[in-house]
Every structure is written in structure tokens, then in C-alpha cells.
Amino acid sequence: MADKAEQARKNRRSGKRVQKRINEGIGAKNVGLWGGEDGEHPIFSIEAKGREKFVGTEFMAQADANCPKDKIPLVIVHLKGTSYNKDIVMIRITHFKELMKI
């Protein structure tokens, strides 16, 4: 089993790869290393995350399954007790790129 320092290095390398791919995919400048935004874009401040599991994939699968063919599936997550202005919106990257003309 890897020691903690080795695992931390592995996680940083993995995170950098994910960050680079995400930023390249949407035409953002890869800038984040030790805090601050991960991707610099003319209209977005990007925080890139890579995960093995994410509950949001289940939400997106449901949106995909229920989506008519002529529409784009979208998930909006509201956390009870918070302002609706803080809700989180999820969309598949392919649809995001279409909408943004990337």
C-alpha cells in the first residue's frame, strides 16, 4: 500500500490531468495549481473535479431517460434550507459545447 505522501502525489497528478483535459475541451486556459480557479475562460471561472463516483450521475441518467428527443437534459439541484439562487445546474459537456458554440 502506498504511503500518504505517495498517495497525495498520485492524487495531485491525477487532478492535474483531469483539469488539463477539461480546460482544453472548452478552450479555457489551464491556470490552477495551488488555489484559485482551475481554468480561466472569458466568461467562466472553472473548478475542475475528477471523481470515481458521483451521485449526480444518477440524477443525469434520470434526466436523460425522461428527456424528449428534441430537448437537452438538464439537472437542477436545490439544497433544502438554502436560497434557490444557490441551486446547482448540471448539463452534459456535449450539450454545453453545443450551446456555447465551442
N, C-alpha and C. Protein backbone atom coordinates (compact mmCIF):
# COMPACT_ATOMS: atom_id res chain seq x y z
N MET A 1 0.84 -1.19 0.00
CA MET A 1 0.00 0.00 0.00
C MET A 1 0.88 1.25 0.00
N ALA A 2 0.48 2.26 -0.78
CA ALA A 2 1.25 3.49 -0.89
C ALA A 2 1.18 4.29 0.41
N ASP A 3 2.30 4.92 0.75
CA ASP A 3 2.27 5.77 1.94
C ASP A 3 1.49 7.05 1.61
N LYS A 4 1.19 7.84 2.63
CA LYS A 4 0.34 9.03 2.46
C LYS A 4 0.94 10.04 1.49
N ALA A 5 2.23 10.27 1.57
CA ALA A 5 2.88 11.24 0.67
C ALA A 5 2.80 10.77 -0.78
N GLU A 6 3.05 9.49 -1.00
CA GLU A 6 2.98 8.94 -2.36
C GLU A 6 1.55 9.04 -2.90
N GLN A 7 0.56 8.73 -2.07
CA GLN A 7 -0.84 8.82 -2.49
C GLN A 7 -1.21 10.27 -2.80
N ALA A 8 -0.74 11.20 -2.00
CA ALA A 8 -1.02 12.62 -2.24
C ALA A 8 -0.44 13.06 -3.59
N ARG A 9 0.79 12.62 -3.91
CA ARG A 9 1.41 12.96 -5.21
C ARG A 9 0.59 12.36 -6.35
N LYS A 10 0.17 11.13 -6.19
CA LYS A 10 -0.64 10.47 -7.21
C LYS A 10 -1.96 11.22 -7.43
N ASN A 11 -2.59 11.64 -6.35
CA ASN A 11 -3.85 12.37 -6.45
C ASN A 11 -3.66 13.72 -7.14
N ARG A 12 -2.55 14.42 -6.82
CA ARG A 12 -2.27 15.71 -7.47
C ARG A 12 -2.06 15.53 -8.97
N ARG A 13 -1.28 14.49 -9.34
CA ARG A 13 -1.03 14.23 -10.77
C ARG A 13 -2.34 13.93 -11.49
N SER A 14 -3.17 13.11 -10.88
CA SER A 14 -4.47 12.76 -11.47
C SER A 14 -5.33 14.02 -11.62
N GLY A 15 -5.36 14.84 -10.58
CA GLY A 15 -6.14 16.07 -10.62
C GLY A 15 -5.67 17.02 -11.70
N LYS A 16 -4.36 17.13 -11.87
CA LYS A 16 -3.80 17.99 -12.92
C LYS A 16 -4.21 17.50 -14.31
N ARG A 17 -4.18 16.17 -14.50
CA ARG A 17 -4.58 15.61 -15.80
C ARG A 17 -6.05 15.93 -16.09
N VAL A 18 -6.91 15.70 -15.12
CA VAL A 18 -8.35 15.98 -15.29
C VAL A 18 -8.54 17.46 -15.61
N GLN A 19 -7.91 18.31 -14.83
CA GLN A 19 -8.03 19.75 -15.00
C GLN A 19 -7.60 20.18 -16.40
N LYS A 20 -6.47 19.65 -16.86
CA LYS A 20 -5.94 19.99 -18.18
C LYS A 20 -6.91 19.57 -19.29
N ARG A 21 -7.42 18.34 -19.20
CA ARG A 21 -8.36 17.85 -20.23
C ARG A 21 -9.64 18.66 -20.26
N ILE A 22 -10.18 18.97 -19.08
CA ILE A 22 -11.41 19.75 -19.02
C ILE A 22 -11.19 21.13 -19.63
N ASN A 23 -10.12 21.80 -19.23
CA ASN A 23 -9.85 23.14 -19.74
C ASN A 23 -9.61 23.14 -21.24
N GLU A 24 -8.82 22.18 -21.72
CA GLU A 24 -8.58 22.09 -23.17
C GLU A 24 -9.88 21.85 -23.92
N GLY A 25 -10.75 21.04 -23.35
CA GLY A 25 -12.01 20.68 -24.00
C GLY A 25 -12.96 21.84 -24.22
N ILE A 26 -12.84 22.88 -23.41
CA ILE A 26 -13.75 24.02 -23.58
C ILE A 26 -13.01 25.32 -23.92
N GLY A 27 -11.75 25.20 -24.25
CA GLY A 27 -10.98 26.36 -24.68
C GLY A 27 -10.60 27.31 -23.55
N ALA A 28 -10.43 26.78 -22.36
CA ALA A 28 -10.02 27.60 -21.22
C ALA A 28 -8.52 27.46 -20.99
N LYS A 29 -7.93 28.47 -20.37
CA LYS A 29 -6.52 28.43 -20.02
C LYS A 29 -6.37 27.67 -18.70
N ASN A 30 -5.50 26.69 -18.69
CA ASN A 30 -5.26 25.87 -17.50
C ASN A 30 -4.36 26.66 -16.56
N VAL A 31 -4.91 27.13 -15.42
CA VAL A 31 -4.13 28.01 -14.55
C VAL A 31 -3.97 27.53 -13.12
N GLY A 32 -4.88 26.77 -12.60
CA GLY A 32 -4.87 26.44 -11.18
C GLY A 32 -3.85 25.39 -10.79
N LEU A 33 -3.12 25.66 -9.75
CA LEU A 33 -2.20 24.68 -9.18
C LEU A 33 -2.38 24.62 -7.66
N TRP A 34 -2.26 25.74 -6.99
CA TRP A 34 -2.31 25.78 -5.53
C TRP A 34 -3.34 26.82 -5.07
N GLY A 35 -4.57 26.59 -5.40
CA GLY A 35 -5.61 27.55 -5.02
C GLY A 35 -5.99 28.41 -6.20
N GLY A 36 -7.08 29.10 -6.08
CA GLY A 36 -7.58 29.92 -7.18
C GLY A 36 -8.32 29.07 -8.19
N GLU A 37 -8.77 29.68 -9.24
CA GLU A 37 -9.53 28.96 -10.25
C GLU A 37 -8.64 27.98 -11.01
N ASP A 38 -9.25 26.89 -11.47
CA ASP A 38 -8.51 25.87 -12.23
C ASP A 38 -8.41 26.23 -13.70
N GLY A 39 -9.45 26.88 -14.20
CA GLY A 39 -9.48 27.25 -15.61
C GLY A 39 -9.92 28.69 -15.78
N GLU A 40 -9.21 29.40 -16.65
CA GLU A 40 -9.53 30.79 -16.95
C GLU A 40 -10.20 30.84 -18.31
N HIS A 41 -11.39 31.40 -18.36
CA HIS A 41 -12.20 31.46 -19.56
C HIS A 41 -12.79 32.87 -19.63
N PRO A 42 -13.10 33.37 -20.82
CA PRO A 42 -13.64 34.73 -20.91
C PRO A 42 -14.89 34.97 -20.06
N ILE A 43 -15.75 33.96 -19.89
CA ILE A 43 -16.98 34.19 -19.11
C ILE A 43 -17.16 33.23 -17.94
N PHE A 44 -16.29 32.23 -17.79
CA PHE A 44 -16.42 31.27 -16.71
C PHE A 44 -15.17 31.22 -15.85
N SER A 45 -15.37 30.96 -14.57
CA SER A 45 -14.28 30.64 -13.66
C SER A 45 -14.45 29.15 -13.37
N ILE A 46 -13.51 28.33 -13.78
CA ILE A 46 -13.69 26.88 -13.78
C ILE A 46 -13.01 26.22 -12.59
N GLU A 47 -13.75 25.37 -11.92
CA GLU A 47 -13.23 24.48 -10.88
C GLU A 47 -13.41 23.08 -11.44
N ALA A 48 -12.33 22.39 -11.73
CA ALA A 48 -12.38 21.06 -12.35
C ALA A 48 -12.24 19.97 -11.28
N LYS A 49 -13.10 18.97 -11.35
CA LYS A 49 -13.05 17.87 -10.38
C LYS A 49 -13.14 16.53 -11.11
N GLY A 50 -12.35 15.57 -10.65
CA GLY A 50 -12.43 14.20 -11.16
C GLY A 50 -12.81 13.29 -10.00
N ARG A 51 -13.78 12.46 -10.20
CA ARG A 51 -14.25 11.56 -9.16
C ARG A 51 -14.50 10.17 -9.74
N GLU A 52 -14.32 9.16 -8.92
CA GLU A 52 -14.67 7.80 -9.33
C GLU A 52 -16.17 7.59 -9.25
N LYS A 53 -16.80 8.17 -8.24
CA LYS A 53 -18.25 8.07 -8.07
C LYS A 53 -18.80 9.45 -7.76
N PHE A 54 -20.02 9.71 -8.25
CA PHE A 54 -20.66 11.00 -8.02
C PHE A 54 -22.16 10.79 -8.12
N VAL A 55 -22.90 11.14 -7.08
CA VAL A 55 -24.34 10.90 -7.06
C VAL A 55 -25.05 11.63 -8.19
N GLY A 56 -24.46 12.72 -8.67
CA GLY A 56 -25.06 13.48 -9.75
C GLY A 56 -25.22 12.68 -11.04
N THR A 57 -24.42 11.64 -11.21
CA THR A 57 -24.57 10.82 -12.42
C THR A 57 -25.92 10.13 -12.44
N GLU A 58 -26.43 9.78 -11.27
CA GLU A 58 -27.76 9.17 -11.18
C GLU A 58 -28.84 10.19 -11.56
N PHE A 59 -28.67 11.42 -11.12
CA PHE A 59 -29.63 12.47 -11.48
C PHE A 59 -29.62 12.69 -12.99
N MET A 60 -28.41 12.74 -13.57
CA MET A 60 -28.28 12.98 -15.01
C MET A 60 -28.86 11.83 -15.81
N ALA A 61 -28.67 10.59 -15.34
CA ALA A 61 -29.24 9.43 -16.03
C ALA A 61 -30.76 9.52 -16.06
N GLN A 62 -31.35 9.97 -14.97
CA GLN A 62 -32.81 10.14 -14.93
C GLN A 62 -33.25 11.24 -15.89
N ALA A 63 -32.50 12.34 -15.93
CA ALA A 63 -32.82 13.42 -16.86
C ALA A 63 -32.72 12.93 -18.30
N ASP A 64 -31.67 12.16 -18.61
CA ASP A 64 -31.50 11.60 -19.95
C ASP A 64 -32.69 10.71 -20.32
N ALA A 65 -33.07 9.83 -19.40
CA ALA A 65 -34.14 8.87 -19.67
C ALA A 65 -35.49 9.56 -19.89
N ASN A 66 -35.71 10.67 -19.21
CA ASN A 66 -37.00 11.36 -19.30
C ASN A 66 -37.04 12.47 -20.34
N CYS A 67 -35.94 12.70 -21.02
CA CYS A 67 -35.83 13.83 -21.94
C CYS A 67 -36.39 13.50 -23.33
N PRO A 68 -37.33 14.32 -23.82
CA PRO A 68 -37.79 14.13 -25.20
C PRO A 68 -36.63 14.36 -26.17
N LYS A 69 -36.70 13.75 -27.34
CA LYS A 69 -35.59 13.78 -28.30
C LYS A 69 -35.21 15.19 -28.77
N ASP A 70 -36.16 16.13 -28.74
CA ASP A 70 -35.87 17.46 -29.25
C ASP A 70 -35.42 18.45 -28.16
N LYS A 71 -35.08 17.94 -26.97
CA LYS A 71 -34.67 18.81 -25.88
C LYS A 71 -33.33 18.38 -25.31
N ILE A 72 -32.76 19.22 -24.46
CA ILE A 72 -31.48 18.95 -23.80
C ILE A 72 -31.76 18.62 -22.34
N PRO A 73 -31.28 17.47 -21.86
CA PRO A 73 -31.49 17.14 -20.45
C PRO A 73 -30.66 18.06 -19.54
N LEU A 74 -31.29 18.49 -18.47
CA LEU A 74 -30.69 19.42 -17.54
C LEU A 74 -31.11 19.00 -16.13
N VAL A 75 -30.18 19.08 -15.20
CA VAL A 75 -30.49 18.78 -13.80
C VAL A 75 -30.25 20.05 -12.99
N ILE A 76 -31.20 20.38 -12.13
CA ILE A 76 -31.02 21.48 -11.19
C ILE A 76 -31.17 20.90 -9.79
N VAL A 77 -30.16 21.12 -8.96
CA VAL A 77 -30.15 20.57 -7.61
C VAL A 77 -30.34 21.72 -6.62
N HIS A 78 -31.35 21.56 -5.77
CA HIS A 78 -31.62 22.54 -4.71
C HIS A 78 -31.35 21.88 -3.36
N LEU A 79 -30.56 22.52 -2.53
CA LEU A 79 -30.31 22.03 -1.18
C LEU A 79 -31.31 22.68 -0.25
N LYS A 80 -32.08 21.85 0.43
CA LYS A 80 -33.11 22.35 1.33
C LYS A 80 -32.51 23.32 2.34
N GLY A 81 -33.24 24.38 2.59
CA GLY A 81 -32.80 25.37 3.56
C GLY A 81 -31.88 26.43 2.99
N THR A 82 -31.60 26.37 1.68
CA THR A 82 -30.74 27.38 1.06
C THR A 82 -31.55 28.19 0.06
N SER A 83 -31.00 29.29 -0.37
CA SER A 83 -31.64 30.13 -1.37
C SER A 83 -31.68 29.41 -2.71
N TYR A 84 -32.79 29.57 -3.42
CA TYR A 84 -32.88 28.97 -4.76
C TYR A 84 -31.88 29.61 -5.71
N ASN A 85 -31.37 30.77 -5.39
CA ASN A 85 -30.33 31.41 -6.21
C ASN A 85 -29.00 30.67 -6.11
N LYS A 86 -28.86 29.77 -5.16
CA LYS A 86 -27.63 29.00 -4.97
C LYS A 86 -27.73 27.60 -5.59
N ASP A 87 -28.83 27.29 -6.27
CA ASP A 87 -29.01 25.97 -6.88
C ASP A 87 -27.89 25.66 -7.86
N ILE A 88 -27.66 24.38 -8.07
CA ILE A 88 -26.59 23.92 -8.95
C ILE A 88 -27.20 23.34 -10.22
N VAL A 89 -26.65 23.72 -11.36
CA VAL A 89 -27.15 23.27 -12.65
C VAL A 89 -26.13 22.32 -13.27
N MET A 90 -26.62 21.17 -13.75
CA MET A 90 -25.75 20.20 -14.43
C MET A 90 -26.27 19.96 -15.84
N ILE A 91 -25.32 19.89 -16.76
CA ILE A 91 -25.61 19.61 -18.16
C ILE A 91 -24.44 18.79 -18.70
N ARG A 92 -24.70 17.92 -19.65
CA ARG A 92 -23.62 17.14 -20.24
C ARG A 92 -22.70 18.06 -21.04
N ILE A 93 -21.42 17.76 -21.05
CA ILE A 93 -20.43 18.61 -21.72
C ILE A 93 -20.71 18.75 -23.22
N THR A 94 -21.21 17.69 -23.85
CA THR A 94 -21.50 17.79 -25.29
C THR A 94 -22.58 18.84 -25.55
N HIS A 95 -23.61 18.87 -24.71
CA HIS A 95 -24.66 19.86 -24.88
C HIS A 95 -24.17 21.26 -24.51
N PHE A 96 -23.33 21.35 -23.49
CA PHE A 96 -22.74 22.62 -23.09
C PHE A 96 -21.94 23.20 -24.26
N LYS A 97 -21.13 22.37 -24.89
CA LYS A 97 -20.32 22.84 -26.03
C LYS A 97 -21.19 23.29 -27.19
N GLU A 98 -22.29 22.57 -27.42
CA GLU A 98 -23.22 22.99 -28.49
C GLU A 98 -23.80 24.35 -28.19
N LEU A 99 -24.26 24.54 -26.95
CA LEU A 99 -24.86 25.80 -26.56
C LEU A 99 -23.87 26.96 -26.60
N MET A 100 -22.63 26.69 -26.22
CA MET A 100 -21.59 27.71 -26.19
C MET A 100 -20.88 27.87 -27.53
N LYS A 101 -21.23 27.00 -28.50
CA LYS A 101 -20.60 27.00 -29.83
C LYS A 101 -19.08 26.82 -29.73
N ILE A 102 -18.70 25.84 -28.92
CA ILE A 102 -17.27 25.53 -28.72
C ILE A 102 -16.87 24.41 -29.68
